[in-house]
Amino acid sequence: MQSHKILVPIGIAIIVAGIVLFSGCIEEKPKEKSAIEVYCDVSSLTPADYNECYKYRGELYSEIKKKGMSYCQPENIRYGLDCITLFAMSEKNVSVCDEISYQSGRNYCIPFVAAAEENTSVCDKISVESTKENCIGMVAKAKRDVSVCKTSEKEHCIGMIAAAKEDVSLCDKISIKSIKDSCLLMVAMGTKKNISLCDKISDAGLKDACITRVAETREDVSLCDKTTTSSQKDFCIERIAITKQDVSLCDKISKPNWKESCIIQVAQAKQDVSLCDKISNTEGKESCIRWVAWAKQDVSLCDKLSSSDECGCIGMVAQAKQDVSLCDKISTTLEKEYCIEGVAEAKQDISLCDNISNTSIKDECIKQVATTKQDVYACDKISNTSTKDACIKWIAETKHDVLLCDKISTILGKDTCIWRVATTKQPDVSLCDKISTTMGKETCIRQVAELKHDASLCDKISDTKIKESCIKRPSRN
């Protein structure tokens, strides 16, 4: 009998626990976000940006999940750093970032892995202070935790979290007016589309941008009346016309050129060539037909154009379809070779450049493919020395790899390359010492000091005038 009395309360306790659990009183552990969700979250400012990111990177992520790191090898270089970064995030393994051969690429990858892990200690792998602070900010955004924000970049960090949480009260914690305005803009563009927040923005340009984005998202043309200039109002109306694919709204635009642009963009969005008949001047009408042909990838529409415009139209469609055979429809050799160049760039297929006889077009074709693929060895195929040097310099700057500058033929070109690598993306004063001239070296130091807001670097400068201007520049920030 005693055992029966004990079992009754135990049974009741189990029933009560079950009721509580299924009624939601016991909080379930939040679902862990996938790598693609974190990637798009920390790299997007608005819900629209997030959706766009997911749309264009979702397919890539699916392939990575199926095929792993092998999908990110050179044959899929078109996805660049995003492929390796997403794989590293999915594995939550920052060492994967070390597979990237150049520093700026590794420093792109690491913050995303830190955000996926919600772990600021991962950011310690980054030596460049500004990039490290950005990494911490991305972790703070991923965690939605203002306390994670580092002091020197705290206000930017708060703005990102305010936008992510759609919490306008966080914007009030920001003292710098321009950052506060940006914070209000981002919150206004969130899911609530709160137009009243735009009125709190002090900068007229940002306020107009805020009104336009909210009006476009809400598809409410009456809100365009709140903009401060006629040009901004026309732009606002145009954006809504394109979003709604409603060409009648273009009639509300005051400026003829802007009205024409509106019609072209609506025709392109709807892929409706008949709308081009609303444009009275021949040049505008033919431009409209070209863009509709491109949007529809329909080369037959190019037949509606004059012979001079037809060639450009065929080239646009060939590039959109990545179909080099369409270039054979062009009768003039020069236009045909420009068409081949466009397709080669779109396909990132350098072998197509061999079909071009014009040396300058062929060199430009190789350069475009080489720089897109970040393949410095492909630059060696370029015959013109200055074009080859420009190709190498662009890749050196993109990869933040100063050693590539040694491949440049002239001292001036080499110095310019070093200066660009030293002063872009991840400013590095030590690289300035590699510049051959004192003037170049010291202006490089001044630029790095300004970019890093570090006046102490100015002590490395001997020229009095450069040193004085160097000291003044960081102090203005």
Protein backbone atom coordinates (compact mmCIF):
# COMPACT_ATOMS: atom_id res chain seq x y z
CA MET A 1 0.00 0.00 0.00
CA GLN A 2 2.89 2.30 0.83
CA SER A 3 4.49 1.73 -2.58
CA HIS A 4 1.21 2.67 -4.26
CA LYS A 5 1.17 6.00 -2.37
CA ILE A 6 4.72 6.76 -3.56
CA LEU A 7 3.94 5.94 -7.19
CA VAL A 8 0.94 8.31 -7.35
CA PRO A 9 2.93 11.54 -6.78
CA ILE A 10 5.67 10.29 -9.14
CA GLY A 11 3.06 9.68 -11.84
CA ILE A 12 1.55 13.13 -11.29
CA ALA A 13 5.02 14.69 -11.49
CA ILE A 14 5.68 12.97 -14.84
CA ILE A 15 2.32 14.16 -16.22
CA VAL A 16 2.93 17.74 -15.03
CA ALA A 17 6.43 17.72 -16.54
CA GLY A 18 4.99 16.49 -19.83
CA ILE A 19 2.33 19.23 -19.86
CA VAL A 20 4.95 21.89 -19.09
CA LEU A 21 7.29 20.60 -21.80
CA PHE A 22 4.69 20.48 -24.55
CA SER A 23 3.14 23.79 -23.55
CA GLY A 24 6.51 25.46 -24.23
CA CYS A 25 7.25 26.45 -20.63
CA ILE A 26 10.54 24.56 -20.79
CA GLU A 27 12.57 26.40 -23.41
CA GLU A 28 14.01 24.19 -26.11
CA LYS A 29 17.60 24.77 -27.20
CA PRO A 30 17.63 27.18 -30.18
CA LYS A 31 18.33 25.53 -33.51
CA GLU A 32 21.96 26.00 -34.50
CA LYS A 33 22.37 28.15 -37.60
CA SER A 34 23.95 26.62 -40.68
CA ALA A 35 27.14 28.08 -42.14
CA ILE A 36 25.25 29.76 -44.99
CA GLU A 37 22.82 31.36 -42.52
CA VAL A 38 25.68 32.79 -40.45
CA TYR A 39 27.57 33.87 -43.57
CA CYS A 40 24.62 35.81 -44.94
CA ASP A 41 23.68 37.15 -41.51
CA VAL A 42 27.02 38.75 -40.71
CA SER A 43 27.67 39.99 -44.27
CA SER A 44 24.23 41.56 -44.85
CA LEU A 45 22.91 44.92 -43.66
CA THR A 46 19.21 44.37 -44.38
CA PRO A 47 16.76 41.45 -44.78
CA ALA A 48 16.77 42.11 -48.53
CA ASP A 49 20.56 41.79 -48.58
CA TYR A 50 20.28 38.54 -46.60
CA ASN A 51 17.78 37.08 -49.06
CA GLU A 52 19.95 38.09 -52.01
CA CYS A 53 22.99 36.50 -50.35
CA TYR A 54 21.10 33.26 -49.64
CA LYS A 55 19.80 33.16 -53.20
CA TYR A 56 23.22 33.47 -54.82
CA ARG A 57 25.31 31.54 -52.29
CA GLY A 58 22.80 28.86 -51.29
CA GLU A 59 23.53 26.72 -54.35
CA LEU A 60 27.27 26.99 -53.73
CA TYR A 61 26.78 25.91 -50.12
CA SER A 62 24.71 22.89 -51.21
CA GLU A 63 27.54 21.76 -53.51
CA ILE A 64 30.09 22.22 -50.73
CA LYS A 65 27.99 20.11 -48.37
CA LYS A 66 27.87 17.33 -50.98
CA LYS A 67 31.43 17.44 -52.33
CA GLY A 68 33.44 19.03 -49.55
CA MET A 69 36.69 20.93 -50.02
CA SER A 70 37.30 19.33 -53.43
CA TYR A 71 34.59 21.59 -54.86
CA CYS A 72 36.71 24.62 -53.98
CA GLN A 73 39.72 23.63 -56.08
CA PRO A 74 40.96 25.81 -58.99
CA GLU A 75 38.36 24.59 -61.48
CA ASN A 76 35.76 26.34 -59.31
CA ILE A 77 37.84 29.47 -58.78
CA ARG A 78 34.88 31.57 -59.92
CA TYR A 79 33.51 31.21 -56.39
CA GLY A 80 36.85 32.44 -55.02
CA LEU A 81 37.24 32.85 -51.31
CA ASP A 82 33.57 32.27 -50.57
CA CYS A 83 33.89 28.57 -51.38
CA ILE A 84 36.76 27.87 -48.96
CA THR A 85 35.26 30.23 -46.38
CA LEU A 86 31.88 28.47 -46.40
CA PHE A 87 33.60 25.09 -46.11
CA ALA A 88 35.70 26.33 -43.17
CA MET A 89 32.54 27.68 -41.53
CA SER A 90 30.63 24.43 -42.04
CA GLU A 91 33.51 22.52 -40.43
CA LYS A 92 34.03 25.23 -37.79
CA ASN A 93 37.70 24.74 -38.52
CA VAL A 94 39.76 27.90 -38.89
CA SER A 95 42.82 25.94 -40.05
CA VAL A 96 41.00 25.46 -43.38
CA CYS A 97 41.60 29.19 -43.97
CA ASP A 98 45.33 28.40 -44.08
CA GLU A 99 44.69 26.66 -47.42
CA ILE A 100 44.40 30.17 -48.88
CA SER A 101 47.84 31.18 -50.16
CA TYR A 102 47.67 34.93 -49.54
CA GLN A 103 47.20 36.90 -46.33
CA SER A 104 44.24 39.07 -47.33
CA GLY A 105 42.37 35.92 -48.35
CA ARG A 106 43.07 34.23 -45.02
CA ASN A 107 42.02 37.39 -43.20
CA TYR A 108 38.74 37.33 -45.16
CA CYS A 109 38.06 33.73 -44.16
CA ILE A 110 38.97 33.86 -40.45
CA PRO A 111 36.27 36.36 -39.29
CA PHE A 112 33.51 34.26 -40.84
CA VAL A 113 34.76 31.15 -39.03
CA ALA A 114 34.96 33.16 -35.80
CA ALA A 115 31.33 34.22 -36.35
CA ALA A 116 30.27 30.62 -37.04
CA GLU A 117 31.94 29.51 -33.81
CA GLU A 118 30.82 32.69 -31.96
CA ASN A 119 34.35 32.77 -30.60
CA THR A 120 36.40 35.99 -30.52
CA SER A 121 39.62 34.11 -29.69
CA VAL A 122 39.66 32.88 -33.31
CA CYS A 123 40.23 36.54 -34.28
CA ASP A 124 43.63 36.40 -32.55
CA LYS A 125 44.98 34.67 -35.67
CA ILE A 126 44.70 38.03 -37.45
CA SER A 127 47.70 40.36 -37.09
CA VAL A 128 46.19 43.47 -38.72
CA GLU A 129 44.41 45.34 -35.93
CA SER A 130 41.61 46.87 -38.04
CA THR A 131 40.77 43.47 -39.57
CA LYS A 132 40.88 41.88 -36.13
CA GLU A 133 38.42 44.47 -34.82
CA ASN A 134 36.12 43.78 -37.76
CA CYS A 135 36.34 40.07 -36.90
CA ILE A 136 35.27 40.77 -33.30
CA GLY A 137 32.41 42.90 -34.64
CA MET A 138 31.21 39.99 -36.79
CA VAL A 139 31.23 37.69 -33.75
CA ALA A 140 29.29 40.31 -31.79
CA LYS A 141 26.70 40.50 -34.57
CA ALA A 142 26.42 36.72 -34.80
CA LYS A 143 25.83 36.56 -31.03
CA ARG A 144 23.67 39.73 -30.99
CA ASP A 145 25.76 40.79 -28.00
CA VAL A 146 26.87 44.43 -27.65
CA SER A 147 29.22 43.55 -24.79
CA VAL A 148 31.47 41.72 -27.26
CA CYS A 149 32.09 44.93 -29.25
CA LYS A 150 35.65 46.23 -28.94
CA THR A 151 36.10 49.83 -27.74
CA SER A 152 37.80 51.36 -30.81
CA GLU A 153 35.13 50.12 -33.23
CA LYS A 154 32.33 49.85 -30.70
CA GLU A 155 29.92 52.28 -32.33
CA HIS A 156 30.11 50.59 -35.75
CA CYS A 157 29.64 47.27 -33.98
CA ILE A 158 26.57 48.53 -32.08
CA GLY A 159 25.09 49.72 -35.37
CA MET A 160 25.43 46.25 -36.89
CA ILE A 161 23.76 44.63 -33.89
CA ALA A 162 21.00 47.25 -33.86
CA ALA A 163 20.26 46.42 -37.51
CA ALA A 164 20.33 42.68 -36.85
CA LYS A 165 18.01 42.97 -33.83
CA GLU A 166 15.97 45.79 -35.39
CA ASP A 167 16.39 47.58 -32.07
CA VAL A 168 16.43 51.34 -32.65
CA SER A 169 17.17 52.01 -28.96
CA LEU A 170 20.71 50.73 -29.55
CA CYS A 171 21.28 53.56 -32.06
CA ASP A 172 20.86 55.99 -29.17
CA LYS A 173 24.02 54.52 -27.64
CA ILE A 174 26.01 55.86 -30.60
CA SER A 175 27.57 59.32 -30.18
CA ILE A 176 29.09 59.83 -33.66
CA LYS A 177 26.38 61.42 -35.80
CA SER A 178 27.29 59.75 -39.11
CA ILE A 179 27.38 56.27 -37.53
CA LYS A 180 24.11 56.93 -35.70
CA ASP A 181 22.48 58.00 -38.99
CA SER A 182 23.69 54.79 -40.64
CA CYS A 183 22.32 52.81 -37.71
CA LEU A 184 18.88 54.42 -38.06
CA LEU A 185 18.97 53.77 -41.82
CA MET A 186 19.73 50.07 -41.37
CA VAL A 187 17.05 49.59 -38.71
CA ALA A 188 14.50 51.44 -40.87
CA MET A 189 15.27 49.08 -43.76
CA GLY A 190 14.56 46.03 -41.60
CA THR A 191 11.44 43.90 -41.73
CA LYS A 192 9.28 46.60 -40.08
CA LYS A 193 10.03 49.20 -42.81
CA ASN A 194 9.56 52.03 -40.32
CA ILE A 195 9.47 55.27 -42.34
CA SER A 196 9.34 57.41 -39.18
CA LEU A 197 12.93 56.40 -38.39
CA CYS A 198 14.06 58.12 -41.60
CA ASP A 199 12.93 61.45 -40.13
CA LYS A 200 15.42 61.01 -37.28
CA ILE A 201 18.37 60.93 -39.69
CA SER A 202 20.24 64.25 -39.75
CA ASP A 203 22.13 63.82 -43.05
CA ALA A 204 19.85 64.80 -45.97
CA GLY A 205 21.39 62.31 -48.41
CA LEU A 206 21.03 59.38 -46.01
CA LYS A 207 17.51 60.47 -45.09
CA ASP A 208 16.50 60.43 -48.77
CA ALA A 209 18.16 57.04 -49.24
CA CYS A 210 16.23 55.75 -46.24
CA ILE A 211 12.88 57.04 -47.54
CA THR A 212 13.58 55.59 -51.00
CA ARG A 213 14.48 52.13 -49.69
CA VAL A 214 11.44 51.98 -47.42
CA ALA A 215 9.14 53.29 -50.17
CA GLU A 216 10.55 50.74 -52.63
CA THR A 217 10.10 47.84 -50.23
CA ARG A 218 6.57 48.93 -49.31
CA GLU A 219 5.83 49.70 -52.99
CA ASP A 220 4.26 52.97 -51.86
CA VAL A 221 4.96 55.75 -54.36
CA SER A 222 3.31 58.38 -52.13
CA LEU A 223 6.26 58.10 -49.73
CA CYS A 224 8.53 59.51 -52.46
CA ASP A 225 6.97 62.92 -51.74
CA LYS A 226 8.91 62.94 -48.46
CA THR A 227 12.27 63.14 -50.28
CA THR A 228 14.08 66.48 -50.26
CA THR A 229 14.94 66.95 -53.97
CA SER A 230 13.16 66.40 -57.29
CA SER A 231 16.00 64.17 -58.50
CA GLN A 232 15.69 61.93 -55.45
CA LYS A 233 11.92 61.82 -55.89
CA ASP A 234 12.35 60.72 -59.52
CA PHE A 235 14.82 58.06 -58.43
CA CYS A 236 12.43 56.86 -55.73
CA ILE A 237 9.57 56.55 -58.24
CA GLU A 238 11.84 54.72 -60.69
CA ARG A 239 12.84 52.15 -58.05
CA ILE A 240 9.19 51.43 -57.23
CA ALA A 241 8.27 51.19 -60.93
CA ILE A 242 11.00 48.57 -61.41
CA THR A 243 10.03 46.66 -58.26
CA LYS A 244 6.34 46.60 -59.24
CA GLN A 245 7.16 46.21 -62.95
CA ASP A 246 4.63 48.98 -63.56
CA VAL A 247 5.66 51.16 -66.50
CA SER A 248 2.79 53.61 -65.88
CA LEU A 249 4.65 54.91 -62.81
CA CYS A 250 7.42 56.17 -65.10
CA ASP A 251 4.99 58.88 -66.28
CA LYS A 252 5.20 60.43 -62.80
CA ILE A 253 8.91 61.17 -63.30
CA SER A 254 9.67 64.82 -64.10
CA LYS A 255 12.96 64.55 -66.00
CA PRO A 256 12.71 63.12 -69.58
CA ASN A 257 16.05 61.26 -69.44
CA TRP A 258 15.16 59.66 -66.11
CA LYS A 259 11.72 58.73 -67.43
CA GLU A 260 13.35 56.99 -70.39
CA SER A 261 15.73 55.15 -68.05
CA CYS A 262 12.72 54.04 -66.01
CA ILE A 263 10.96 52.59 -69.08
CA ILE A 264 14.12 50.73 -70.14
CA GLN A 265 14.58 49.16 -66.71
CA VAL A 266 10.93 48.13 -66.40
CA ALA A 267 11.05 46.62 -69.91
CA GLN A 268 14.20 44.75 -68.92
CA ALA A 269 12.66 43.53 -65.65
CA LYS A 270 9.49 42.35 -67.44
CA GLN A 271 11.46 41.12 -70.48
CA ASP A 272 8.82 42.91 -72.56
CA VAL A 273 10.26 44.47 -75.72
CA SER A 274 6.92 46.09 -76.62
CA LEU A 275 7.45 48.62 -73.79
CA CYS A 276 10.40 50.03 -75.75
CA ASP A 277 7.86 51.58 -78.17
CA LYS A 278 7.04 54.08 -75.41
CA ILE A 279 10.42 55.72 -76.01
CA SER A 280 10.27 58.33 -78.79
CA ASN A 281 13.94 58.81 -79.66
CA THR A 282 15.70 56.13 -81.71
CA GLU A 283 18.82 55.91 -79.55
CA GLY A 284 16.83 55.33 -76.35
CA LYS A 285 14.53 52.81 -78.03
CA GLU A 286 17.44 50.78 -79.40
CA SER A 287 19.14 50.83 -76.00
CA CYS A 288 15.91 49.47 -74.52
CA ILE A 289 15.77 46.63 -77.08
CA ARG A 290 19.41 45.70 -76.36
CA TRP A 291 18.76 45.40 -72.62
CA VAL A 292 15.60 43.34 -73.13
CA ALA A 293 17.53 41.04 -75.50
CA TRP A 294 20.21 40.67 -72.82
CA ALA A 295 17.64 39.98 -70.08
CA LYS A 296 15.81 37.38 -72.20
CA GLN A 297 19.07 36.04 -73.71
CA ASP A 298 17.23 36.27 -77.03
CA VAL A 299 19.59 37.12 -79.88
CA SER A 300 16.69 37.35 -82.38
CA LEU A 301 15.67 40.69 -80.82
CA CYS A 302 18.97 42.15 -82.05
CA ASP A 303 17.55 41.95 -85.60
CA LYS A 304 15.32 44.91 -84.71
CA LEU A 305 18.36 47.18 -84.41
CA SER A 306 20.49 49.13 -86.85
CA SER A 307 23.66 47.33 -87.98
CA SER A 308 25.94 49.31 -85.64
CA ASP A 309 23.81 48.57 -82.56
CA GLU A 310 23.11 44.98 -83.63
CA CYS A 311 26.76 43.99 -83.09
CA GLY A 312 26.78 45.29 -79.53
CA CYS A 313 23.47 43.57 -78.85
CA ILE A 314 24.75 40.19 -80.08
CA GLY A 315 27.85 40.63 -77.92
CA MET A 316 25.71 41.29 -74.83
CA VAL A 317 23.56 38.21 -75.43
CA ALA A 318 26.61 36.04 -76.18
CA GLN A 319 28.20 37.16 -72.91
CA ALA A 320 24.97 36.56 -70.96
CA LYS A 321 24.61 33.05 -72.44
CA GLN A 322 28.38 32.42 -72.35
CA ASP A 323 28.02 31.20 -75.93
CA VAL A 324 30.98 32.19 -78.10
CA SER A 325 29.35 30.73 -81.23
CA LEU A 326 26.93 33.69 -81.27
CA CYS A 327 29.90 35.96 -82.01
CA ASP A 328 30.01 34.39 -85.50
CA LYS A 329 26.82 36.32 -86.27
CA ILE A 330 28.85 39.54 -86.21
CA SER A 331 30.26 40.48 -89.62
CA THR A 332 32.96 43.00 -88.64
CA THR A 333 36.18 41.47 -87.29
CA LEU A 334 36.78 44.07 -84.57
CA GLU A 335 33.27 43.80 -83.08
CA LYS A 336 33.44 40.01 -83.31
CA GLU A 337 36.69 39.96 -81.33
CA TYR A 338 35.25 42.26 -78.67
CA CYS A 339 32.39 39.77 -78.44
CA ILE A 340 34.84 36.87 -77.93
CA GLU A 341 36.62 38.87 -75.22
CA GLY A 342 33.32 39.38 -73.38
CA VAL A 343 32.46 35.68 -73.49
CA ALA A 344 35.98 34.68 -72.38
CA GLU A 345 35.66 36.99 -69.37
CA ALA A 346 32.17 35.71 -68.52
CA LYS A 347 33.27 32.06 -68.77
CA GLN A 348 36.71 32.76 -67.26
CA ASP A 349 38.10 30.73 -70.15
CA ILE A 350 41.47 32.11 -71.21
CA SER A 351 41.73 29.71 -74.15
CA LEU A 352 39.03 31.71 -75.98
CA CYS A 353 41.44 34.68 -76.11
CA ASP A 354 43.55 32.69 -78.60
CA ASN A 355 40.75 33.18 -81.15
CA ILE A 356 41.44 36.94 -81.18
CA SER A 357 43.84 38.33 -83.81
CA ASN A 358 43.95 41.97 -82.62
CA THR A 359 46.88 42.12 -80.17
CA SER A 360 45.48 44.82 -77.87
CA ILE A 361 42.06 43.13 -77.60
CA LYS A 362 43.74 39.76 -77.02
CA ASP A 363 45.97 41.22 -74.29
CA GLU A 364 42.97 42.85 -72.60
CA CYS A 365 41.08 39.56 -72.85
CA ILE A 366 43.90 37.68 -71.10
CA LYS A 367 44.20 40.42 -68.48
CA GLN A 368 40.48 40.34 -67.65
CA VAL A 369 40.43 36.55 -67.24
CA ALA A 370 43.73 36.49 -65.32
CA THR A 371 42.66 39.17 -62.85
CA THR A 372 39.24 37.61 -62.32
CA LYS A 373 40.85 34.23 -61.60
CA GLN A 374 43.74 35.91 -59.74
CA ASP A 375 46.14 33.84 -61.84
CA VAL A 376 49.38 35.84 -62.04
CA TYR A 377 51.01 33.27 -64.34
CA ALA A 378 48.34 33.94 -66.95
CA CYS A 379 49.61 37.55 -67.11
CA ASP A 380 52.78 36.18 -68.74
CA LYS A 381 50.71 35.42 -71.86
CA ILE A 382 50.22 39.17 -72.43
CA SER A 383 52.47 40.63 -75.14
CA ASN A 384 52.27 44.33 -74.19
CA THR A 385 54.57 45.07 -71.24
CA SER A 386 52.46 47.83 -69.64
CA THR A 387 49.29 45.70 -69.86
CA LYS A 388 51.17 42.75 -68.36
CA ASP A 389 52.45 44.95 -65.51
CA ALA A 390 48.93 46.27 -64.87
CA CYS A 391 47.69 42.68 -64.70
CA ILE A 392 50.35 41.71 -62.15
CA LYS A 393 49.79 44.85 -60.06
CA TRP A 394 46.04 44.25 -59.84
CA ILE A 395 46.54 40.66 -58.66
CA ALA A 396 49.28 41.66 -56.19
CA GLU A 397 46.96 44.27 -54.68
CA THR A 398 43.99 41.90 -54.55
CA LYS A 399 46.02 39.13 -52.95
CA HIS A 400 47.95 41.58 -50.74
CA ASP A 401 51.10 39.82 -51.95
CA VAL A 402 54.01 42.26 -52.27
CA LEU A 403 56.34 39.57 -53.67
CA LEU A 404 54.35 39.60 -56.91
CA CYS A 405 55.45 43.21 -57.47
CA ASP A 406 58.95 41.88 -58.29
CA LYS A 407 57.53 40.51 -61.55
CA ILE A 408 56.83 44.05 -62.81
CA SER A 409 59.27 45.30 -65.46
CA THR A 410 59.86 48.94 -64.42
CA ILE A 411 61.09 50.40 -61.12
CA LEU A 412 58.27 52.97 -61.12
CA GLY A 413 55.69 50.25 -61.78
CA LYS A 414 57.18 48.07 -59.05
CA ASP A 415 57.13 50.97 -56.56
CA THR A 416 53.52 51.78 -57.45
CA CYS A 417 52.60 48.14 -56.93
CA ILE A 418 54.28 48.04 -53.50
CA TRP A 419 52.58 51.34 -52.54
CA ARG A 420 49.16 49.93 -53.47
CA VAL A 421 49.72 46.68 -51.56
CA ALA A 422 51.00 48.59 -48.52
CA THR A 423 48.10 51.06 -48.42
CA THR A 424 45.03 49.01 -49.39
CA LYS A 425 42.89 46.45 -47.57
CA GLN A 426 45.37 45.80 -44.75
CA PRO A 427 47.69 48.82 -44.41
CA ASP A 428 51.21 47.65 -43.55
CA VAL A 429 53.89 50.30 -42.91
CA SER A 430 56.74 47.77 -43.09
CA LEU A 431 56.05 47.29 -46.81
CA CYS A 432 56.75 50.98 -47.47
CA ASP A 433 60.46 50.30 -46.85
CA LYS A 434 60.55 48.24 -50.07
CA ILE A 435 59.86 51.34 -52.20
CA SER A 436 63.03 52.54 -53.99
CA THR A 437 62.63 56.33 -53.58
CA THR A 438 62.59 58.25 -50.30
CA MET A 439 59.64 60.37 -51.46
CA GLY A 440 57.61 57.30 -52.40
CA LYS A 441 58.53 55.53 -49.17
CA GLU A 442 57.56 58.49 -46.97
CA THR A 443 54.27 59.28 -48.73
CA CYS A 444 53.47 55.59 -48.31
CA ILE A 445 54.13 55.83 -44.56
CA ARG A 446 51.94 58.95 -44.37
CA GLN A 447 49.09 57.12 -46.12
CA VAL A 448 49.35 54.11 -43.80
CA ALA A 449 49.43 56.42 -40.76
CA GLU A 450 46.22 58.08 -41.96
CA LEU A 451 44.49 54.79 -42.71
CA LYS A 452 45.45 53.32 -39.33
CA HIS A 453 44.80 56.61 -37.47
CA ASP A 454 48.29 56.21 -35.97
CA ALA A 455 50.30 59.45 -35.77
CA SER A 456 53.24 57.63 -34.15
CA LEU A 457 54.11 56.18 -37.56
CA CYS A 458 54.93 59.71 -38.73
CA ASP A 459 58.17 59.53 -36.71
CA LYS A 460 59.55 57.31 -39.49
CA ILE A 461 59.41 60.26 -41.92
CA SER A 462 62.44 62.55 -42.43
CA ASP A 463 60.97 65.11 -44.87
CA THR A 464 59.61 67.99 -42.75
CA LYS A 465 56.61 68.86 -44.94
CA ILE A 466 55.49 65.26 -45.39
CA LYS A 467 55.95 64.63 -41.66
CA GLU A 468 53.88 67.69 -40.70
CA SER A 469 51.05 66.74 -43.03
CA CYS A 470 51.28 63.18 -41.73
CA ILE A 471 50.86 64.27 -38.12
CA LYS A 472 47.86 66.44 -39.02
CA ARG A 473 46.03 63.77 -41.03
CA PRO A 474 45.57 61.07 -38.34
CA SER A 475 44.67 63.73 -35.76
CA ARG A 476 41.71 64.81 -37.91
CA ASN A 477 40.18 61.40 -37.42
